[in-house]
Amino acid sequence: MADPRSEAIARGSTRAGRLDAQVDRYLAHVRIERGYSEHTAAAYAGDLADLVRFAERAGVVEAGGLHLDLLRDWLWEATERGLARATVARRAATARGFCAWLERTGATPSDAGARLRAPRAKRTLPRVVAAPAVSDLLERMQARTDSGDPIASRDHAIVELLYACGLRVSELVGLDLDDVDRGNRTVRVTGKGAKERVVPFGAPAAAALDAYLGRARPAILAAASGEGERKAAPRPAPRAVFVGARGARLGVRSVHRLVAGLLADLPGSGPAGPHAFRHSAATHLLDGGADLRAVQEFLGHASLGTTQIYTHVSAERLKQSYRQAHPRA
């Protein structure tokens, strides 16, 4: 009797090219046609590169050679290596998307990953900074801008906007000057899947932005241009709202370092990154009575289920307050 796996490999040889070549085509598809961010595409690339290596060790080099048992073995190996459940779950989702695309484009006769399952990732509650702590932090940052340091002014505007608008860090660093409507106090951001939305911000963020854009940003660019004249031809001023000391668009890592330093001494568990301000903004909106669907639109979530995590956060905060304050808790 013929080996079904050998037959699958043979079919793959006639229907599709090498597995690694199909991976390259799929990554181009998610970047260009689906509009996925570089961060998401990089995660897909890492997962699929590992799948290709595993498949090659099993003797599968053609896309048509993929089968459900091989995919299950790949996930099992990842579990045995000690990878987190969330990572294994992400790898399963990546493989399912890739296999569905292979069938849809005619590269394989069937969807090998249609019945692939992985351990459900343990969902932890996001870190939320209490509203008084956020206000205290921003007041301290405002005081530092009084020294006239343009970098302090920039950092203050960054944190004000992260919290006021609940922005992802990629959305913040991607802002251009034309995206900011200072008159109407709104910013136009491009989120996941290249989806645009307009988000309002309040008076404190407006004041911080006005100070930064009016005085601090020109000072940073002037200093960067002067340094450029000593070393090379000065670069033209970018359209980026937030710029670094060398005049280029500020990067995601710089914002992560800034926020991690600010949150290091504040109470709370969980990652001390820019997303903590996004989580905090959403939770504080719901605590203040905002409608869940309005918060969904504010955050740019495609699914209401993603936004509902913040209702759990509010419930946990209520339980904690109850346990601390109620005499019969």
Protein backbone atom coordinates (compact mmCIF):
# COMPACT_ATOMS: atom_id res chain seq x y z
CA MET A 1 0.00 0.00 0.00
CA ALA A 2 1.30 3.42 -0.92
CA ASP A 3 2.34 5.74 1.89
CA PRO A 4 -0.27 8.57 2.02
CA ARG A 5 2.39 11.04 3.10
CA SER A 6 4.55 10.18 0.08
CA GLU A 7 1.51 10.65 -2.14
CA ALA A 8 0.86 14.04 -0.53
CA ILE A 9 4.44 15.09 -1.21
CA ALA A 10 4.11 13.96 -4.82
CA ARG A 11 0.89 15.93 -5.26
CA GLY A 12 2.64 18.94 -3.78
CA SER A 13 5.42 18.69 -6.33
CA THR A 14 2.93 19.07 -9.17
CA ARG A 15 0.56 21.57 -7.60
CA ALA A 16 2.89 23.96 -5.83
CA GLY A 17 6.47 25.00 -5.39
CA ARG A 18 8.71 24.61 -2.44
CA LEU A 19 7.27 25.29 0.99
CA ASP A 20 9.72 28.10 1.74
CA ALA A 21 8.81 29.86 -1.52
CA GLN A 22 5.11 29.68 -0.60
CA VAL A 23 5.92 31.16 2.80
CA ASP A 24 7.58 34.12 1.08
CA ARG A 25 4.50 34.64 -1.09
CA TYR A 26 2.19 34.42 1.91
CA LEU A 27 4.20 36.97 3.88
CA ALA A 28 4.04 39.36 0.93
CA HIS A 29 0.27 38.78 0.85
CA VAL A 30 -0.27 39.66 4.52
CA ARG A 31 1.96 42.73 4.27
CA ILE A 32 0.68 44.19 1.02
CA GLU A 33 -2.85 42.89 0.49
CA ARG A 34 -3.95 42.45 4.10
CA GLY A 35 -2.07 45.49 5.37
CA TYR A 36 -0.63 43.77 8.44
CA SER A 37 1.92 45.70 10.46
CA GLU A 38 5.61 44.85 10.24
CA HIS A 39 5.46 43.60 13.83
CA THR A 40 2.67 41.13 13.00
CA ALA A 41 4.30 40.08 9.73
CA ALA A 42 7.59 39.49 11.57
CA ALA A 43 5.80 37.21 14.06
CA TYR A 44 4.26 35.26 11.17
CA ALA A 45 7.67 35.01 9.49
CA GLY A 46 9.30 33.60 12.62
CA ASP A 47 6.54 31.02 13.14
CA LEU A 48 6.54 29.86 9.52
CA ALA A 49 10.35 29.72 9.32
CA ASP A 50 10.26 27.34 12.28
CA LEU A 51 7.54 25.29 10.56
CA VAL A 52 9.62 25.04 7.37
CA ARG A 53 12.63 23.80 9.35
CA PHE A 54 10.51 21.23 11.17
CA ALA A 55 8.88 20.05 7.93
CA GLU A 56 12.26 19.67 6.22
CA ARG A 57 13.50 17.48 9.08
CA ALA A 58 10.40 15.33 8.47
CA GLY A 59 11.21 15.12 4.75
CA VAL A 60 8.53 17.59 3.61
CA VAL A 61 9.84 20.35 1.35
CA GLU A 62 6.77 20.98 -0.83
CA ALA A 63 3.65 22.85 0.24
CA GLY A 64 1.49 19.93 -0.85
CA GLY A 65 3.28 17.72 1.65
CA LEU A 66 1.80 19.51 4.66
CA HIS A 67 -0.68 17.41 6.62
CA LEU A 68 -2.50 17.65 9.91
CA ASP A 69 -0.32 15.16 11.80
CA LEU A 70 2.83 17.07 10.87
CA LEU A 71 1.32 20.34 12.10
CA ARG A 72 0.26 18.69 15.36
CA ASP A 73 3.76 17.26 15.83
CA TRP A 74 5.21 20.72 15.24
CA LEU A 75 3.03 22.23 17.97
CA TRP A 76 3.80 19.33 20.31
CA GLU A 77 7.54 19.89 19.84
CA ALA A 78 7.08 23.58 20.67
CA THR A 79 5.25 22.60 23.87
CA GLU A 80 8.00 20.15 24.81
CA ARG A 81 10.58 22.92 24.32
CA GLY A 82 8.78 24.93 26.99
CA LEU A 83 7.22 27.61 24.80
CA ALA A 84 4.40 29.51 26.49
CA ARG A 85 0.82 28.51 25.78
CA ALA A 86 0.21 31.91 24.20
CA THR A 87 3.11 31.34 21.79
CA VAL A 88 1.88 27.86 20.85
CA ALA A 89 -1.64 29.24 20.32
CA ARG A 90 -0.24 31.98 18.07
CA ARG A 91 1.72 29.41 16.06
CA ALA A 92 -1.42 27.37 15.55
CA ALA A 93 -3.28 30.45 14.32
CA THR A 94 -0.41 31.29 11.97
CA ALA A 95 -0.38 27.77 10.52
CA ARG A 96 -4.16 27.78 10.05
CA GLY A 97 -4.04 31.08 8.19
CA PHE A 98 -1.16 29.90 5.99
CA CYS A 99 -2.78 26.56 5.14
CA ALA A 100 -6.13 28.20 4.34
CA TRP A 101 -4.33 30.60 2.00
CA LEU A 102 -2.50 27.70 0.31
CA GLU A 103 -5.80 26.02 -0.50
CA ARG A 104 -7.47 29.27 -1.53
CA THR A 105 -4.71 30.07 -4.02
CA GLY A 106 -4.65 26.54 -5.43
CA ALA A 107 -1.19 25.74 -4.08
CA THR A 108 -2.57 22.70 -2.20
CA PRO A 109 -5.62 20.51 -2.86
CA SER A 110 -6.94 20.82 0.69
CA ASP A 111 -6.58 22.85 3.90
CA ALA A 112 -4.18 20.87 6.11
CA GLY A 113 -4.71 23.17 9.08
CA ALA A 114 -8.51 23.33 9.12
CA ARG A 115 -8.77 20.99 12.14
CA LEU A 116 -5.60 22.16 13.90
CA ARG A 117 -6.15 23.10 17.52
CA ALA A 118 -3.82 24.38 20.23
CA PRO A 119 -4.06 24.93 23.99
CA ARG A 120 -6.14 27.99 24.73
CA ALA A 121 -3.86 30.82 25.73
CA LYS A 122 -4.25 31.87 29.35
CA ARG A 123 -5.78 35.33 29.30
CA THR A 124 -4.38 37.66 31.91
CA LEU A 125 -5.88 40.98 32.85
CA PRO A 126 -3.96 43.95 31.41
CA ARG A 127 -2.06 46.37 33.59
CA VAL A 128 -4.10 49.42 34.54
CA VAL A 129 -2.63 52.47 36.25
CA ALA A 130 -5.05 54.16 38.65
CA ALA A 131 -6.39 57.50 37.46
CA PRO A 132 -4.85 59.48 40.39
CA ALA A 133 -1.45 57.90 39.66
CA VAL A 134 -1.70 58.87 35.98
CA SER A 135 -2.62 62.46 36.91
CA ASP A 136 0.27 62.67 39.37
CA LEU A 137 2.71 61.33 36.77
CA LEU A 138 1.58 63.82 34.13
CA GLU A 139 1.80 66.71 36.60
CA ARG A 140 5.41 65.77 37.33
CA MET A 141 6.17 65.61 33.62
CA GLN A 142 4.56 69.03 33.14
CA ALA A 143 6.79 70.45 35.87
CA ARG A 144 9.89 69.13 34.09
CA THR A 145 8.94 70.94 30.91
CA ASP A 146 9.16 74.26 32.79
CA SER A 147 12.96 73.92 32.65
CA GLY A 148 12.77 74.53 28.90
CA ASP A 149 14.14 71.09 27.96
CA PRO A 150 12.60 70.28 24.54
CA ILE A 151 12.97 66.51 25.09
CA ALA A 152 11.01 66.78 28.35
CA SER A 153 8.29 68.65 26.47
CA ARG A 154 8.21 65.96 23.78
CA ASP A 155 7.99 63.16 26.35
CA HIS A 156 5.16 64.94 28.15
CA ALA A 157 3.20 65.26 24.89
CA ILE A 158 3.81 61.59 24.12
CA VAL A 159 2.37 60.34 27.40
CA GLU A 160 -0.53 62.80 27.33
CA LEU A 161 -1.50 61.58 23.86
CA LEU A 162 -1.03 57.88 24.66
CA TYR A 163 -3.40 58.19 27.60
CA ALA A 164 -5.84 60.72 26.12
CA CYS A 165 -6.37 58.76 22.90
CA GLY A 166 -5.62 55.19 24.00
CA LEU A 167 -3.18 54.84 21.10
CA ARG A 168 -1.08 51.83 20.24
CA VAL A 169 2.60 52.77 20.26
CA SER A 170 2.85 52.06 16.51
CA GLU A 171 -0.03 54.46 15.91
CA LEU A 172 1.65 57.15 17.99
CA VAL A 173 5.05 57.02 16.26
CA GLY A 174 3.33 56.81 12.88
CA LEU A 175 1.55 60.15 13.30
CA ASP A 176 2.36 62.87 10.76
CA LEU A 177 1.73 66.57 11.24
CA ASP A 178 -1.25 66.45 8.87
CA ASP A 179 -2.86 63.82 11.09
CA VAL A 180 -3.26 66.23 13.99
CA ASP A 181 -6.24 68.60 13.94
CA ARG A 182 -5.37 70.94 16.78
CA GLY A 183 -8.48 73.05 16.23
CA ASN A 184 -10.89 70.15 16.65
CA ARG A 185 -8.61 68.30 19.07
CA THR A 186 -8.53 65.07 17.09
CA VAL A 187 -5.86 62.81 15.61
CA ARG A 188 -6.25 60.55 12.58
CA VAL A 189 -4.48 57.27 13.20
CA THR A 190 -3.83 54.20 11.07
CA GLY A 191 -4.37 51.05 13.12
CA LYS A 192 -4.19 47.33 12.47
CA GLY A 193 -5.14 46.24 8.98
CA ALA A 194 -4.45 49.78 7.71
CA LYS A 195 -7.79 50.91 9.18
CA GLU A 196 -8.08 54.63 9.87
CA ARG A 197 -10.01 56.20 12.72
CA VAL A 198 -10.30 59.67 14.21
CA VAL A 199 -9.79 59.93 17.97
CA PRO A 200 -10.47 62.99 20.16
CA PHE A 201 -8.20 64.31 22.91
CA GLY A 202 -8.81 66.75 25.74
CA ALA A 203 -7.47 70.08 26.92
CA PRO A 204 -4.40 68.79 28.85
CA ALA A 205 -3.16 66.81 25.83
CA ALA A 206 -3.89 69.81 23.59
CA ALA A 207 -1.78 72.08 25.79
CA ALA A 208 1.09 69.59 25.84
CA LEU A 209 0.94 69.16 22.06
CA ASP A 210 0.82 72.94 21.47
CA ALA A 211 3.90 73.43 23.64
CA TYR A 212 5.78 70.63 21.92
CA LEU A 213 4.83 71.48 18.33
CA GLY A 214 5.19 75.23 18.84
CA ARG A 215 8.58 75.34 20.60
CA ALA A 216 10.15 72.00 21.49
CA ARG A 217 9.92 70.22 18.13
CA PRO A 218 11.50 73.10 16.19
CA ALA A 219 14.26 73.24 18.81
CA ILE A 220 14.96 69.50 18.48
CA LEU A 221 15.10 69.75 14.68
CA ALA A 222 17.33 72.83 14.83
CA ALA A 223 19.77 71.05 17.13
CA ALA A 224 19.74 67.98 14.87
CA SER A 225 20.37 70.15 11.81
CA GLY A 226 23.32 71.86 13.48
CA GLU A 227 24.87 68.51 14.31
CA GLY A 228 24.27 67.40 10.74
CA GLU A 229 26.14 70.43 9.36
CA ARG A 230 29.22 69.38 11.31
CA LYS A 231 29.07 65.76 10.18
CA ALA A 232 27.23 65.71 6.84
CA ALA A 233 24.54 67.50 4.86
CA PRO A 234 21.55 68.36 7.09
CA ARG A 235 18.53 66.15 6.58
CA PRO A 236 15.18 67.79 5.77
CA ALA A 237 12.68 68.04 8.62
CA PRO A 238 10.43 64.94 8.60
CA ARG A 239 6.67 65.13 8.65
CA ALA A 240 6.63 62.99 11.79
CA VAL A 241 4.95 64.51 14.81
CA PHE A 242 7.39 62.95 17.26
CA VAL A 243 11.09 63.15 16.41
CA GLY A 244 14.25 61.97 18.09
CA ALA A 245 17.36 63.91 19.02
CA ARG A 246 18.80 63.36 15.51
CA GLY A 247 15.70 64.70 13.80
CA ALA A 248 14.35 61.39 12.52
CA ARG A 249 10.98 59.87 13.33
CA LEU A 250 10.92 58.55 16.88
CA GLY A 251 10.96 54.75 17.06
CA VAL A 252 8.81 52.30 18.97
CA ARG A 253 11.72 51.18 21.17
CA SER A 254 12.40 54.74 22.31
CA VAL A 255 8.80 55.12 23.48
CA HIS A 256 8.96 51.74 25.23
CA ARG A 257 12.08 52.82 27.13
CA LEU A 258 10.48 56.12 28.11
CA VAL A 259 7.28 54.55 29.44
CA ALA A 260 9.06 51.65 31.17
CA GLY A 261 11.13 54.16 33.12
CA LEU A 262 8.07 56.18 34.09
CA LEU A 263 6.04 53.18 35.27
CA ALA A 264 8.86 51.35 37.04
CA ASP A 265 8.04 52.85 40.45
CA LEU A 266 4.25 52.86 40.10
CA PRO A 267 2.15 50.09 41.70
CA GLY A 268 0.68 47.40 39.50
CA SER A 269 1.64 44.13 37.87
CA GLY A 270 2.08 43.35 34.21
CA PRO A 271 4.19 44.82 31.43
CA ALA A 272 5.30 48.43 32.00
CA GLY A 273 5.01 49.52 28.38
CA PRO A 274 3.00 52.06 26.36
CA HIS A 275 0.03 49.68 26.19
CA ALA A 276 -0.50 50.24 29.92
CA PHE A 277 -1.79 53.74 29.10
CA ARG A 278 -4.10 52.30 26.42
CA HIS A 279 -5.44 49.78 28.92
CA SER A 280 -5.82 52.49 31.53
CA ALA A 281 -7.67 54.85 29.18
CA ALA A 282 -10.17 52.13 28.20
CA THR A 283 -10.79 51.04 31.77
CA HIS A 284 -11.21 54.60 33.03
CA LEU A 285 -13.70 55.31 30.23
CA LEU A 286 -15.81 52.30 31.22
CA ASP A 287 -15.51 53.20 34.91
CA GLY A 288 -16.86 56.64 33.99
CA GLY A 289 -19.90 55.18 32.26
CA ALA A 290 -18.82 55.09 28.60
CA ASP A 291 -20.67 52.71 26.29
CA LEU A 292 -18.73 49.54 25.41
CA ARG A 293 -19.23 50.03 21.67
CA ALA A 294 -18.00 53.61 21.91
CA VAL A 295 -14.86 52.33 23.63
CA GLN A 296 -14.49 49.72 20.88
CA GLU A 297 -14.53 52.46 18.25
CA PHE A 298 -12.19 54.62 20.35
CA LEU A 299 -9.62 51.82 20.54
CA GLY A 300 -10.06 50.64 16.95
CA HIS A 301 -10.92 47.05 17.87
CA ALA A 302 -12.36 44.94 15.06
CA SER A 303 -14.24 42.75 17.53
CA LEU A 304 -16.32 43.79 20.51
CA GLY A 305 -15.04 40.68 22.27
CA THR A 306 -11.57 42.21 22.40
CA THR A 307 -12.93 45.31 24.11
CA GLN A 308 -14.86 43.27 26.67
CA ILE A 309 -11.63 42.41 28.50
CA TYR A 310 -11.89 45.88 30.03
CA THR A 311 -15.26 45.08 31.57
CA HIS A 312 -13.48 42.24 33.39
CA VAL A 313 -10.83 44.70 34.54
CA SER A 314 -13.51 47.01 35.93
CA ALA A 315 -15.18 44.08 37.69
CA GLU A 316 -11.90 42.97 39.26
CA ARG A 317 -11.20 46.52 40.45
CA LEU A 318 -14.69 46.64 42.01
CA LYS A 319 -14.10 43.30 43.76
CA GLN A 320 -10.77 44.53 45.13
CA SER A 321 -12.35 47.71 46.46
CA TYR A 322 -15.16 45.66 47.99
CA ARG A 323 -12.74 43.32 49.75
CA GLN A 324 -10.77 46.26 51.12
CA ALA A 325 -13.68 48.43 52.23
CA HIS A 326 -16.78 46.36 52.97
CA PRO A 327 -17.06 45.19 56.59
CA ARG A 328 -18.67 41.91 55.50
CA ALA A 329 -16.31 41.17 52.60
